[in-house]
């Protein structure tokens, strides 16, 4: 299937996302615990998609999203956050993510979105 990068500051959440993706046949090529590491991992691995948390220490997800899209405007990014899309868009209207999922999420919901954006 597809190759993914997980960017989330919670090791527990990265495991949940990894398990969901791998159960759907996807390969996780890298994990990062903040936006800066995520950007570095993206440049090294060039995954087919990225899952990205918003609230992280260091470089947050919104800044990472902007930088990822600057590096590759076609990067496929799924924001997985405790904040819903409406709340995020009230604060940042120019979010260029391909999809949003609110935590907690169902494994099948994530897999369906990954299929859709690919």
Protein backbone atom coordinates (compact mmCIF):
# COMPACT_ATOMS: atom_id res chain seq x y z
CA UNK A 1 0.00 0.00 0.00
CA UNK A 2 1.32 3.48 0.89
CA UNK A 3 4.22 4.80 2.96
CA UNK A 4 3.42 7.12 5.87
CA UNK A 5 5.08 9.45 8.37
CA UNK A 6 3.55 9.95 11.83
CA UNK A 7 4.18 13.25 13.63
CA UNK A 8 2.78 13.39 17.17
CA UNK A 9 4.35 14.24 20.53
CA UNK A 10 2.56 11.36 22.27
CA UNK A 11 4.36 8.02 21.96
CA UNK A 12 1.09 6.31 22.89
CA UNK A 13 -0.80 8.11 20.08
CA UNK A 14 1.96 7.30 17.58
CA UNK A 15 1.53 3.62 18.46
CA UNK A 16 -2.25 3.82 17.98
CA UNK A 17 -1.81 5.50 14.60
CA UNK A 18 0.94 3.06 13.56
CA UNK A 19 -1.20 0.05 14.52
CA UNK A 20 -4.16 1.44 12.56
CA UNK A 21 -2.07 2.18 9.47
CA UNK A 22 -0.25 -1.14 9.51
CA UNK A 23 -3.52 -3.04 9.96
CA UNK A 24 -4.63 -1.38 6.72
CA UNK A 25 -1.50 -2.55 4.90
CA UNK A 26 0.40 0.74 5.02
CA UNK A 27 4.08 1.05 5.92
CA UNK A 28 5.18 3.60 8.52
CA UNK A 29 8.57 4.82 7.29
CA UNK A 30 9.25 7.21 10.20
CA UNK A 31 7.86 8.76 13.37
CA UNK A 32 8.59 12.18 14.84
CA UNK A 33 7.59 13.82 18.12
CA UNK A 34 7.49 17.44 16.90
CA UNK A 35 7.14 19.43 13.71
CA UNK A 36 10.85 20.06 13.25
CA UNK A 37 11.67 16.36 13.40
CA UNK A 38 8.69 15.67 11.16
CA UNK A 39 9.99 18.06 8.51
CA UNK A 40 13.45 16.43 8.63
CA UNK A 41 11.91 12.96 8.38
CA UNK A 42 9.74 14.06 5.45
CA UNK A 43 12.75 15.35 3.54
CA UNK A 44 14.66 12.09 4.17
CA UNK A 45 11.88 9.58 3.49
CA UNK A 46 9.43 11.36 1.12
CA UNK A 47 6.39 9.38 2.34
CA UNK A 48 3.13 9.15 0.42
CA UNK A 49 1.25 10.75 3.33
CA UNK A 50 1.78 12.36 6.73
CA UNK A 51 -0.35 12.27 9.88
CA UNK A 52 0.23 15.44 11.87
CA UNK A 53 -0.77 16.51 15.37
CA UNK A 54 -1.25 20.24 15.98
CA UNK A 55 -0.33 20.79 19.63
CA UNK A 56 3.32 19.83 20.12
CA UNK A 57 6.34 21.36 21.81
CA UNK A 58 9.06 22.81 19.62
CA UNK A 59 7.64 23.39 16.15
CA UNK A 60 3.87 22.92 16.37
CA UNK A 61 1.75 21.23 13.73
CA UNK A 62 0.48 24.42 12.09
CA UNK A 63 4.00 25.68 11.43
CA UNK A 64 5.09 22.20 10.31
CA UNK A 65 2.11 22.06 7.93
CA UNK A 66 3.08 25.39 6.34
CA UNK A 67 6.71 24.30 5.96
CA UNK A 68 5.81 20.87 4.60
CA UNK A 69 3.58 22.46 1.95
CA UNK A 70 6.37 24.93 1.11
CA UNK A 71 8.77 22.02 0.53
CA UNK A 72 6.18 19.97 -1.37
CA UNK A 73 2.84 21.59 -2.27
CA UNK A 74 1.53 18.12 -3.16
CA UNK A 75 2.31 16.58 0.25
CA UNK A 76 -0.75 14.69 1.49
CA UNK A 77 -1.35 15.63 5.12
CA UNK A 78 -3.96 14.36 7.56
CA UNK A 79 -4.26 16.45 10.72
CA UNK A 80 -5.10 14.28 13.73
CA UNK A 81 -5.81 16.56 16.67
CA UNK A 82 -7.86 16.88 19.82
CA UNK A 83 -9.03 20.20 18.34
CA UNK A 84 -11.70 19.85 15.70
CA UNK A 85 -11.42 21.35 12.21
CA UNK A 86 -13.88 24.16 12.95
CA UNK A 87 -11.88 25.33 15.98
CA UNK A 88 -8.64 25.19 14.00
CA UNK A 89 -10.09 27.15 11.09
CA UNK A 90 -11.41 29.86 13.42
CA UNK A 91 -7.82 30.49 14.45
CA UNK A 92 -6.05 29.68 11.16
CA UNK A 93 -8.06 30.07 7.98
CA UNK A 94 -5.26 29.02 5.61
CA UNK A 95 -4.77 25.45 6.80
CA UNK A 96 -3.85 23.37 3.77
CA UNK A 97 -4.36 19.89 5.19
CA UNK A 98 -6.03 17.29 2.99
CA UNK A 99 -8.15 15.95 5.86
CA UNK A 100 -8.87 16.37 9.56
CA UNK A 101 -9.59 13.74 12.20
CA UNK A 102 -10.49 14.57 15.78
CA UNK A 103 -8.96 12.47 18.57
CA UNK A 104 -10.07 9.95 19.63
CA UNK A 105 -10.77 8.34 16.27
CA UNK A 106 -11.81 4.97 14.89
CA UNK A 107 -9.19 2.95 13.01
CA UNK A 108 -11.51 2.52 10.01
CA UNK A 109 -12.10 6.29 9.85
CA UNK A 110 -8.35 6.90 9.49
CA UNK A 111 -7.93 4.18 6.87
CA UNK A 112 -10.88 5.51 4.87
CA UNK A 113 -9.38 9.01 4.84
CA UNK A 114 -5.96 7.72 3.80
CA UNK A 115 -7.55 5.84 0.88
CA UNK A 116 -9.47 8.99 -0.09
CA UNK A 117 -6.46 11.35 -0.15
CA UNK A 118 -4.21 8.93 -2.02
